[in-house]
N, C-alpha and C. Protein backbone atom coordinates (compact mmCIF):
# COMPACT_ATOMS: atom_id res chain seq x y z
N UNK A 1 54.28 26.04 -37.44
CA UNK A 1 54.56 24.73 -37.99
C UNK A 1 54.88 23.71 -36.90
N UNK A 2 55.59 24.15 -35.86
CA UNK A 2 55.95 23.22 -34.80
C UNK A 2 54.72 22.69 -34.09
N UNK A 3 53.69 23.53 -33.94
CA UNK A 3 52.45 23.09 -33.30
C UNK A 3 51.78 22.01 -34.13
N UNK A 4 51.80 22.14 -35.45
CA UNK A 4 51.22 21.12 -36.33
C UNK A 4 51.99 19.81 -36.16
N UNK A 5 53.29 19.89 -36.15
CA UNK A 5 54.10 18.68 -36.00
C UNK A 5 53.88 18.01 -34.65
N UNK A 6 53.69 18.81 -33.59
CA UNK A 6 53.40 18.23 -32.28
C UNK A 6 52.01 17.60 -32.25
N UNK A 7 51.05 18.28 -32.87
CA UNK A 7 49.67 17.79 -32.84
C UNK A 7 49.46 16.57 -33.74
N UNK A 8 50.20 16.51 -34.86
CA UNK A 8 50.05 15.42 -35.82
C UNK A 8 51.43 14.83 -36.11
N UNK A 9 51.99 14.06 -35.17
CA UNK A 9 53.37 13.59 -35.31
C UNK A 9 53.60 12.62 -36.47
N UNK A 10 52.56 12.01 -37.01
CA UNK A 10 52.74 11.07 -38.11
C UNK A 10 52.78 11.75 -39.48
N UNK A 11 52.55 13.05 -39.53
CA UNK A 11 52.62 13.77 -40.80
C UNK A 11 54.07 13.98 -41.20
N UNK A 12 54.36 13.72 -42.46
CA UNK A 12 55.68 14.04 -42.97
C UNK A 12 55.73 15.51 -43.38
N UNK A 13 56.92 16.03 -43.63
CA UNK A 13 57.06 17.44 -43.99
C UNK A 13 56.33 17.80 -45.27
N UNK A 14 56.15 16.86 -46.16
CA UNK A 14 55.50 17.13 -47.44
C UNK A 14 54.02 16.76 -47.44
N UNK A 15 53.48 16.35 -46.30
CA UNK A 15 52.10 15.87 -46.22
C UNK A 15 51.06 16.96 -46.00
N UNK A 16 51.48 18.20 -45.82
CA UNK A 16 50.50 19.24 -45.55
C UNK A 16 51.00 20.59 -46.04
N UNK A 17 50.07 21.48 -46.22
CA UNK A 17 50.35 22.88 -46.53
C UNK A 17 49.65 23.69 -45.46
N UNK A 18 50.32 24.64 -44.90
CA UNK A 18 49.73 25.45 -43.85
C UNK A 18 49.44 26.84 -44.39
N UNK A 19 48.34 27.40 -43.94
CA UNK A 19 47.99 28.76 -44.34
C UNK A 19 48.13 29.68 -43.14
N UNK A 20 48.23 30.98 -43.38
CA UNK A 20 48.34 31.91 -42.25
C UNK A 20 47.09 31.86 -41.38
N UNK A 21 47.24 32.16 -40.10
CA UNK A 21 46.13 32.20 -39.18
C UNK A 21 45.13 33.25 -39.66
N UNK A 22 43.85 32.92 -39.59
CA UNK A 22 42.81 33.83 -40.06
C UNK A 22 41.59 33.68 -39.15
N UNK A 23 41.15 34.78 -38.56
CA UNK A 23 39.99 34.73 -37.67
C UNK A 23 38.68 34.63 -38.43
N UNK A 24 38.68 34.83 -39.74
CA UNK A 24 37.45 34.81 -40.53
C UNK A 24 36.99 33.40 -40.86
N UNK A 25 37.90 32.49 -41.04
CA UNK A 25 37.51 31.11 -41.34
C UNK A 25 38.55 30.15 -40.81
N UNK A 26 38.19 28.88 -40.77
CA UNK A 26 39.08 27.86 -40.24
C UNK A 26 39.11 26.66 -41.19
N UNK A 27 39.77 25.62 -40.78
CA UNK A 27 39.94 24.45 -41.65
C UNK A 27 38.61 23.79 -41.99
N UNK A 28 37.65 23.78 -41.07
CA UNK A 28 36.36 23.15 -41.34
C UNK A 28 35.63 23.96 -42.39
N UNK A 29 35.64 25.28 -42.24
CA UNK A 29 35.01 26.17 -43.23
C UNK A 29 35.69 26.01 -44.58
N UNK A 30 37.01 25.93 -44.59
CA UNK A 30 37.75 25.77 -45.83
C UNK A 30 37.37 24.46 -46.52
N UNK A 31 37.27 23.38 -45.75
CA UNK A 31 36.86 22.10 -46.32
C UNK A 31 35.45 22.17 -46.91
N UNK A 32 34.60 22.99 -46.28
CA UNK A 32 33.21 23.15 -46.75
C UNK A 32 33.11 24.20 -47.86
N UNK A 33 34.25 24.74 -48.28
CA UNK A 33 34.33 25.78 -49.32
C UNK A 33 33.59 27.06 -48.93
N UNK A 34 33.71 27.43 -47.67
CA UNK A 34 33.11 28.67 -47.17
C UNK A 34 34.20 29.44 -46.44
N UNK A 35 34.76 30.43 -47.08
CA UNK A 35 35.84 31.20 -46.47
C UNK A 35 35.33 32.50 -45.84
N UNK A 36 34.05 32.58 -45.59
CA UNK A 36 33.50 33.80 -44.99
C UNK A 36 33.06 33.63 -43.54
N UNK A 37 33.08 32.39 -43.03
CA UNK A 37 32.61 32.15 -41.66
C UNK A 37 33.51 31.16 -40.95
N UNK A 38 33.48 31.23 -39.64
CA UNK A 38 34.17 30.28 -38.77
C UNK A 38 33.22 29.13 -38.49
N UNK A 39 33.56 27.90 -38.90
CA UNK A 39 32.70 26.74 -38.70
C UNK A 39 33.17 25.93 -37.51
N UNK A 40 32.25 25.65 -36.62
CA UNK A 40 32.48 24.72 -35.51
C UNK A 40 31.14 24.56 -34.81
N UNK A 41 30.86 23.38 -34.27
CA UNK A 41 29.59 23.21 -33.55
C UNK A 41 29.40 24.33 -32.54
N UNK A 42 28.26 24.97 -32.60
CA UNK A 42 28.03 26.19 -31.83
C UNK A 42 28.04 26.00 -30.32
N UNK A 43 27.97 24.78 -29.85
CA UNK A 43 28.04 24.55 -28.42
C UNK A 43 29.37 24.96 -27.83
N UNK A 44 30.41 25.04 -28.66
CA UNK A 44 31.73 25.41 -28.18
C UNK A 44 31.81 26.92 -27.94
N UNK A 45 31.32 27.70 -28.88
CA UNK A 45 31.34 29.15 -28.77
C UNK A 45 30.17 29.70 -29.58
N UNK A 46 28.97 29.74 -29.02
CA UNK A 46 27.78 30.14 -29.78
C UNK A 46 27.87 31.51 -30.44
N UNK A 47 28.60 32.43 -29.85
CA UNK A 47 28.69 33.78 -30.42
C UNK A 47 29.56 33.81 -31.66
N UNK A 48 30.45 32.86 -31.80
CA UNK A 48 31.42 32.93 -32.88
C UNK A 48 31.19 31.91 -33.97
N UNK A 49 30.80 30.71 -33.62
CA UNK A 49 30.77 29.63 -34.59
C UNK A 49 29.52 29.57 -35.43
N UNK A 50 29.68 29.06 -36.65
CA UNK A 50 28.56 28.74 -37.53
C UNK A 50 28.55 27.23 -37.66
N UNK A 51 27.39 26.64 -37.54
CA UNK A 51 27.25 25.20 -37.72
C UNK A 51 25.86 24.95 -38.29
N UNK A 52 25.77 24.30 -39.45
CA UNK A 52 24.47 24.14 -40.11
C UNK A 52 23.63 22.99 -39.56
N UNK A 53 23.72 22.76 -38.27
CA UNK A 53 22.98 21.69 -37.64
C UNK A 53 22.65 22.11 -36.22
N UNK A 54 21.56 21.58 -35.70
CA UNK A 54 21.22 21.86 -34.30
C UNK A 54 22.02 20.98 -33.35
N UNK A 55 22.68 19.96 -33.87
CA UNK A 55 23.53 19.09 -33.07
C UNK A 55 24.84 19.83 -32.78
N UNK A 56 25.12 20.13 -31.54
CA UNK A 56 26.32 20.88 -31.19
C UNK A 56 27.44 19.99 -30.65
N UNK A 57 27.29 18.69 -30.79
CA UNK A 57 28.34 17.79 -30.29
C UNK A 57 29.55 17.82 -31.22
N UNK A 58 30.72 17.74 -30.62
CA UNK A 58 31.96 17.66 -31.39
C UNK A 58 32.27 16.17 -31.53
N UNK A 59 31.60 15.55 -32.51
CA UNK A 59 31.74 14.11 -32.72
C UNK A 59 31.96 13.82 -34.20
N UNK A 60 32.58 12.70 -34.46
CA UNK A 60 32.81 12.28 -35.84
C UNK A 60 31.48 12.19 -36.57
N UNK A 61 30.48 11.62 -35.95
CA UNK A 61 29.17 11.43 -36.58
C UNK A 61 28.54 12.77 -36.96
N UNK A 62 28.66 13.77 -36.09
CA UNK A 62 28.09 15.08 -36.38
C UNK A 62 28.77 15.72 -37.58
N UNK A 63 30.09 15.65 -37.65
CA UNK A 63 30.81 16.21 -38.79
C UNK A 63 30.42 15.48 -40.08
N UNK A 64 30.33 14.17 -40.02
CA UNK A 64 29.93 13.40 -41.21
C UNK A 64 28.52 13.80 -41.63
N UNK A 65 27.61 13.90 -40.69
CA UNK A 65 26.23 14.28 -41.02
C UNK A 65 26.16 15.66 -41.67
N UNK A 66 26.91 16.62 -41.15
CA UNK A 66 26.90 17.97 -41.73
C UNK A 66 27.45 17.94 -43.16
N UNK A 67 28.52 17.20 -43.38
CA UNK A 67 29.09 17.17 -44.73
C UNK A 67 28.21 16.36 -45.69
N UNK A 68 27.44 15.42 -45.19
CA UNK A 68 26.46 14.73 -46.03
C UNK A 68 25.41 15.71 -46.53
N UNK A 69 24.97 16.63 -45.66
CA UNK A 69 24.00 17.65 -46.07
C UNK A 69 24.60 18.52 -47.18
N UNK A 70 25.91 18.71 -47.16
CA UNK A 70 26.58 19.50 -48.19
C UNK A 70 26.78 18.70 -49.49
N UNK A 71 26.38 17.43 -49.49
CA UNK A 71 26.48 16.61 -50.69
C UNK A 71 27.61 15.61 -50.71
N UNK A 72 28.37 15.53 -49.64
CA UNK A 72 29.46 14.56 -49.56
C UNK A 72 28.92 13.19 -49.18
N UNK A 73 29.66 12.17 -49.58
CA UNK A 73 29.35 10.81 -49.16
C UNK A 73 30.63 10.21 -48.56
N UNK A 74 30.46 9.27 -47.67
CA UNK A 74 31.61 8.61 -47.06
C UNK A 74 32.24 7.69 -48.10
N UNK A 75 33.56 7.75 -48.22
CA UNK A 75 34.25 6.83 -49.13
C UNK A 75 35.27 6.04 -48.33
N UNK A 76 35.83 5.03 -48.94
CA UNK A 76 36.71 4.13 -48.19
C UNK A 76 38.19 4.28 -48.53
N UNK A 77 38.55 5.38 -49.22
CA UNK A 77 39.96 5.56 -49.55
C UNK A 77 40.29 7.03 -49.73
N UNK A 78 41.58 7.33 -49.74
CA UNK A 78 42.05 8.70 -49.91
C UNK A 78 42.64 8.92 -51.29
N UNK A 79 42.40 8.00 -52.20
CA UNK A 79 42.94 8.11 -53.55
C UNK A 79 42.24 9.23 -54.31
N UNK A 80 42.97 9.95 -55.14
CA UNK A 80 42.38 11.00 -55.96
C UNK A 80 41.45 10.38 -56.99
N UNK A 81 40.26 10.94 -57.13
CA UNK A 81 39.31 10.50 -58.15
C UNK A 81 38.85 11.74 -58.91
N UNK A 82 39.18 11.78 -60.19
CA UNK A 82 38.82 12.93 -61.02
C UNK A 82 37.31 13.18 -60.95
N UNK A 83 36.93 14.42 -60.75
CA UNK A 83 35.52 14.78 -60.69
C UNK A 83 34.93 14.76 -59.29
N UNK A 84 35.73 14.36 -58.29
CA UNK A 84 35.25 14.31 -56.91
C UNK A 84 36.12 15.20 -56.03
N UNK A 85 35.50 15.91 -55.12
CA UNK A 85 36.22 16.67 -54.12
C UNK A 85 36.15 15.89 -52.82
N UNK A 86 37.31 15.50 -52.32
CA UNK A 86 37.34 14.72 -51.08
C UNK A 86 37.84 15.59 -49.94
N UNK A 87 37.30 15.32 -48.77
CA UNK A 87 37.78 15.96 -47.55
C UNK A 87 38.14 14.86 -46.56
N UNK A 88 39.04 15.19 -45.66
CA UNK A 88 39.46 14.25 -44.63
C UNK A 88 39.22 14.89 -43.27
N UNK A 89 38.69 14.12 -42.36
CA UNK A 89 38.47 14.57 -40.99
C UNK A 89 39.55 13.94 -40.11
N UNK A 90 40.31 14.77 -39.45
CA UNK A 90 41.36 14.30 -38.55
C UNK A 90 40.82 14.34 -37.13
N UNK A 91 41.19 13.36 -36.35
CA UNK A 91 40.74 13.32 -34.97
C UNK A 91 41.92 13.16 -34.03
N UNK A 92 41.71 13.58 -32.82
CA UNK A 92 42.70 13.38 -31.78
C UNK A 92 41.98 12.67 -30.65
N UNK A 93 42.38 11.45 -30.38
CA UNK A 93 41.71 10.61 -29.37
C UNK A 93 40.21 10.48 -29.66
N UNK A 94 39.87 10.35 -30.94
CA UNK A 94 38.49 10.14 -31.35
C UNK A 94 37.63 11.39 -31.44
N UNK A 95 38.22 12.56 -31.23
CA UNK A 95 37.49 13.82 -31.28
C UNK A 95 37.96 14.64 -32.48
N UNK A 96 37.04 15.11 -33.34
CA UNK A 96 37.45 15.91 -34.50
C UNK A 96 38.32 17.11 -34.09
N UNK A 97 39.41 17.31 -34.85
CA UNK A 97 40.31 18.41 -34.53
C UNK A 97 40.76 19.18 -35.76
N UNK A 98 40.59 18.61 -36.96
CA UNK A 98 41.08 19.27 -38.18
C UNK A 98 40.41 18.64 -39.39
N UNK A 99 40.28 19.42 -40.46
CA UNK A 99 39.81 18.89 -41.75
C UNK A 99 40.73 19.40 -42.84
N UNK A 100 40.81 18.63 -43.90
CA UNK A 100 41.60 19.01 -45.06
C UNK A 100 40.80 18.70 -46.32
N UNK A 101 41.09 19.46 -47.34
CA UNK A 101 40.47 19.26 -48.65
C UNK A 101 41.55 18.75 -49.60
N UNK A 102 41.23 17.74 -50.38
CA UNK A 102 42.21 17.18 -51.30
C UNK A 102 42.41 18.12 -52.47
N UNK A 103 43.67 18.31 -52.87
CA UNK A 103 44.00 19.18 -53.99
C UNK A 103 43.94 18.38 -55.30
N UNK A 104 43.93 19.09 -56.40
CA UNK A 104 43.81 18.45 -57.73
C UNK A 104 44.93 17.48 -58.05
N UNK A 105 46.09 17.63 -57.40
CA UNK A 105 47.20 16.71 -57.65
C UNK A 105 47.15 15.49 -56.75
N UNK A 106 46.08 15.40 -55.92
CA UNK A 106 45.92 14.25 -55.02
C UNK A 106 46.48 14.46 -53.64
N UNK A 107 47.23 15.53 -53.45
CA UNK A 107 47.78 15.78 -52.11
C UNK A 107 46.72 16.44 -51.25
N UNK A 108 46.99 16.53 -49.97
CA UNK A 108 46.05 17.08 -49.00
C UNK A 108 46.52 18.39 -48.48
């Protein structure tokens, strides 16, 4: 938990839920609703990562493009909308570092 607080200092204690460390999947895979693989652009670790694109850059645009292929569209707010599954891409200095999926109660 302390690492999360150091990495994302603007998060309040009630702004996130943490899950146990798991080598089978990560936050990107969880956001994509795939808990069987580790998702990350394969340029980082080709032997380990799954990425449904030939673009291996760790960029906001690449993550958006991959999630568009999954059927997501860019929206302009984080408000809960019944019937829609929203994900959020977190960045550190402009580089993707975490994703979250919105829960049914509107929290992340």
